[in-house]
Protein backbone atom coordinates (compact mmCIF):
# COMPACT_ATOMS: atom_id res chain seq x y z
CA MET A 1 17.90 -9.69 1.88
CA LEU A 2 15.82 -8.01 -0.74
CA PRO A 3 17.09 -4.65 -2.06
CA LEU A 4 14.78 -1.58 -1.33
CA VAL A 5 13.19 -0.56 -4.70
CA ARG A 6 11.79 2.85 -5.07
CA ILE A 7 9.55 3.55 -8.10
CA THR A 8 7.94 6.97 -8.61
CA GLU A 9 5.18 7.60 -10.97
CA SER A 10 3.88 11.02 -11.70
CA ILE A 11 0.51 11.71 -13.15
CA PRO A 12 0.79 13.37 -16.59
CA GLY A 13 -0.15 17.00 -16.49
CA HIS A 14 0.95 17.54 -12.86
CA ALA A 15 4.18 18.98 -12.00
CA THR A 16 6.70 16.51 -10.39
CA PRO A 17 7.11 17.54 -6.56
CA LYS A 18 10.68 18.13 -5.40
CA GLN A 19 12.59 15.62 -3.45
CA PRO A 20 11.07 15.10 0.10
CA SER A 21 12.83 16.69 3.01
CA ARG A 22 14.37 14.50 5.67
CA ARG A 23 11.42 15.44 8.02
CA ASP A 24 8.97 14.24 5.33
CA ALA A 25 10.98 11.01 4.75
CA ILE A 26 10.97 10.17 8.49
CA GLY A 27 7.14 11.12 8.76
CA SER A 28 6.53 8.70 5.77
CA ILE A 29 8.59 5.95 7.44
CA ALA A 30 6.60 6.45 10.80
CA ALA A 31 3.24 6.32 8.89
CA THR A 32 4.41 3.01 6.99
CA VAL A 33 5.38 1.44 10.27
CA ALA A 34 2.09 2.53 11.82
CA ALA A 35 0.19 1.12 8.90
CA LEU A 36 2.17 -2.02 8.94
CA ARG A 37 1.50 -2.69 12.59
CA ARG A 38 -2.36 -1.99 12.13
CA SER A 39 -2.36 -4.62 9.35
CA GLY A 40 -0.03 -7.17 11.11
CA GLU A 41 -2.67 -9.51 12.11
CA ALA A 42 -3.94 -9.89 8.63
CA LEU A 43 -0.50 -11.25 7.41
CA ALA A 44 0.01 -13.22 10.57
CA GLY A 45 -3.20 -15.04 9.66
CA LEU A 46 -1.74 -16.06 6.17
CA ALA A 47 1.37 -17.71 8.04
CA THR A 48 -1.28 -19.86 9.94
CA LYS A 49 -2.91 -20.79 6.67
CA GLY A 50 0.42 -21.89 5.08
CA LEU A 51 0.79 -18.89 2.80
CA PRO A 52 4.28 -17.40 3.27
CA MET A 53 4.27 -13.65 2.71
CA LYS A 54 7.83 -12.44 2.32
CA ILE A 55 7.54 -8.90 1.08
CA VAL A 56 5.08 -6.03 1.12
CA CYS A 57 4.59 -3.34 -1.40
CA VAL A 58 3.98 -0.20 0.21
CA ILE A 59 2.18 2.43 -2.07
CA ARG A 60 2.39 6.03 -0.76
CA TYR A 61 -0.18 8.18 -2.51
CA GLN A 62 -0.20 11.83 -2.47
CA ILE A 63 -3.95 12.60 -3.00
CA ASP A 64 -6.14 15.64 -3.66
CA PRO A 65 -7.54 16.20 -0.12
CA PHE A 66 -10.66 17.65 -1.66
CA GLN A 67 -11.33 14.47 -3.30
CA ARG A 68 -10.92 12.08 -0.49
CA ASP A 69 -14.18 10.34 -1.27
CA GLU A 70 -13.11 9.55 -4.82
CA PHE A 71 -9.67 8.04 -3.45
CA LYS A 72 -11.88 6.02 -1.05
CA LYS A 73 -14.03 4.55 -3.90
CA TYR A 74 -10.79 3.72 -5.83
CA ALA A 75 -9.41 2.04 -2.92
CA GLU A 76 -12.51 -0.03 -2.21
CA ASN A 77 -12.58 -1.28 -5.79
CA TRP A 78 -8.87 -2.69 -5.28
CA GLY A 79 -10.51 -4.73 -2.56
CA ARG A 80 -12.15 -7.01 -5.21
CA ILE A 81 -9.56 -6.59 -7.84
CA ILE A 82 -6.13 -7.17 -6.10
CA PRO A 83 -6.92 -10.63 -4.59
CA ARG A 84 -8.45 -11.83 -7.97
CA CYS A 85 -5.12 -10.91 -9.54
CA GLY A 86 -2.86 -12.66 -6.91
CA GLY A 87 -1.92 -10.04 -4.44
CA HIS A 88 -2.68 -10.24 -0.83
CA LEU A 89 -4.59 -6.83 0.12
CA VAL A 90 -3.34 -5.85 3.51
CA GLY A 91 -5.48 -2.61 3.17
CA TYR A 92 -5.76 0.86 2.19
CA PHE A 93 -5.44 3.59 4.56
CA LEU A 94 -6.72 7.15 4.38
CA PRO A 95 -5.47 10.13 6.21
CA ASP A 96 -7.15 10.61 9.48
CA GLU A 97 -5.25 12.96 11.78
CA GLY A 98 -2.29 15.08 10.63
CA THR A 99 -1.41 15.34 7.10
CA ASN A 100 -4.49 15.45 4.80
CA ASP A 101 -3.18 14.37 1.49
CA VAL A 102 -1.13 11.04 2.03
CA ALA A 103 -2.83 7.76 1.82
CA TRP A 104 -1.31 4.29 1.85
CA GLY A 105 -1.86 0.93 0.15
CA LEU A 106 -0.29 -2.26 1.29
CA ILE A 107 -0.17 -5.51 -0.75
CA ALA A 108 1.90 -8.73 0.40
CA PHE A 109 3.51 -11.04 -1.82
CA ASP A 110 5.57 -14.28 -1.35
CA SER A 111 8.28 -12.92 -3.77
CA LEU A 112 8.95 -10.19 -6.26
CA ALA A 113 8.35 -12.75 -8.97
CA SER A 114 4.90 -13.04 -7.59
CA TYR A 115 4.56 -9.29 -7.76
CA GLU A 116 5.53 -9.21 -11.46
CA THR A 117 3.03 -11.91 -12.20
CA TYR A 118 0.39 -10.01 -10.22
CA ARG A 119 1.30 -6.78 -12.17
CA ALA A 120 0.80 -8.62 -15.46
CA ARG A 121 -2.65 -9.90 -14.49
CA LEU A 122 -3.66 -6.49 -13.05
CA LYS A 123 -2.89 -4.98 -16.59
CA SER A 124 -5.09 -7.37 -18.38
CA ASP A 125 -8.03 -7.11 -15.65
CA PRO A 126 -10.84 -5.09 -17.19
CA GLU A 127 -12.00 -3.70 -13.61
CA GLY A 128 -8.40 -2.98 -12.93
CA ARG A 129 -7.86 -1.11 -16.16
CA GLU A 130 -11.14 0.82 -15.42
CA ASN A 131 -10.15 1.74 -11.97
CA PHE A 132 -6.76 3.11 -13.20
CA ALA A 133 -8.49 5.11 -15.89
CA ALA A 134 -10.83 6.69 -13.31
CA ALA A 135 -7.91 7.89 -11.25
CA GLN A 136 -6.28 9.48 -14.34
CA THR A 137 -9.62 11.09 -15.32
CA LYS A 138 -10.56 12.42 -11.99
CA ARG A 139 -6.98 13.35 -10.99
CA PHE A 140 -7.51 12.49 -7.33
CA ILE A 141 -4.03 10.97 -7.25
CA LEU A 142 -1.27 13.51 -7.76
CA ARG A 143 1.76 11.24 -7.24
CA GLU A 144 2.41 7.64 -5.98
CA GLU A 145 5.53 5.83 -4.74
CA ARG A 146 6.14 1.94 -4.42
CA ASN A 147 8.77 0.68 -1.85
CA PHE A 148 9.14 -2.96 -1.28
CA VAL A 149 9.98 -4.11 2.29
CA GLU A 150 10.89 -7.42 3.52
CA ILE A 151 9.16 -8.86 6.49
CA VAL A 152 11.46 -9.84 9.40
CA ASP A 153 10.52 -13.28 10.70
CA GLY A 154 9.43 -13.38 14.41
CA THR A 155 8.78 -9.53 14.56
CA PHE A 156 5.45 -9.05 12.38
CA GLY A 157 1.94 -9.79 13.23
CA ILE A 158 2.61 -10.47 16.88
CA PRO A 159 -0.51 -9.78 18.81
CA ALA A 160 -0.54 -7.36 21.80
CA VAL A 161 -0.10 -9.30 25.16
CA LEU A 162 -1.54 -7.03 27.98
CA PRO A 163 -0.75 -7.90 31.78
CA ALA A 164 -3.89 -9.30 33.48
CA ALA A 165 -5.85 -6.97 35.58
CA SER A 166 -5.16 -7.31 39.23
């Protein structure tokens, strides 16, 4: 079993927020589960293509809600960059209902070693560096956290089976 890793990065010039409450943590877990369920079919498709995805990097962003469109552009840019650097982009998710300042990014890898290789490629990718620089300059990301979760075989990417209409 992979250990749960938490890396918190604060943007320079912004105050580091206090430790989240238990309620906030539970809300974050629920949102992560919802995002993973929505994106489960994407990872299930990888298994049928012979690409074993074992871990998912779940990135939780605290964003400036008044710069939602800037974050959306930032996320859309990763749609080109992440696959080119070796990550399987499951998706980015913007707040829709409820909390208006939390967004999510999910990227799958076959191992933590693959993630480390991906990070090295990302740092040397010109478009990736440009995207990071835009986020720092425009300050639409206030905080981000990375968690790595292990996919439990036989429980992820299972499509809904509705009973036949009578």
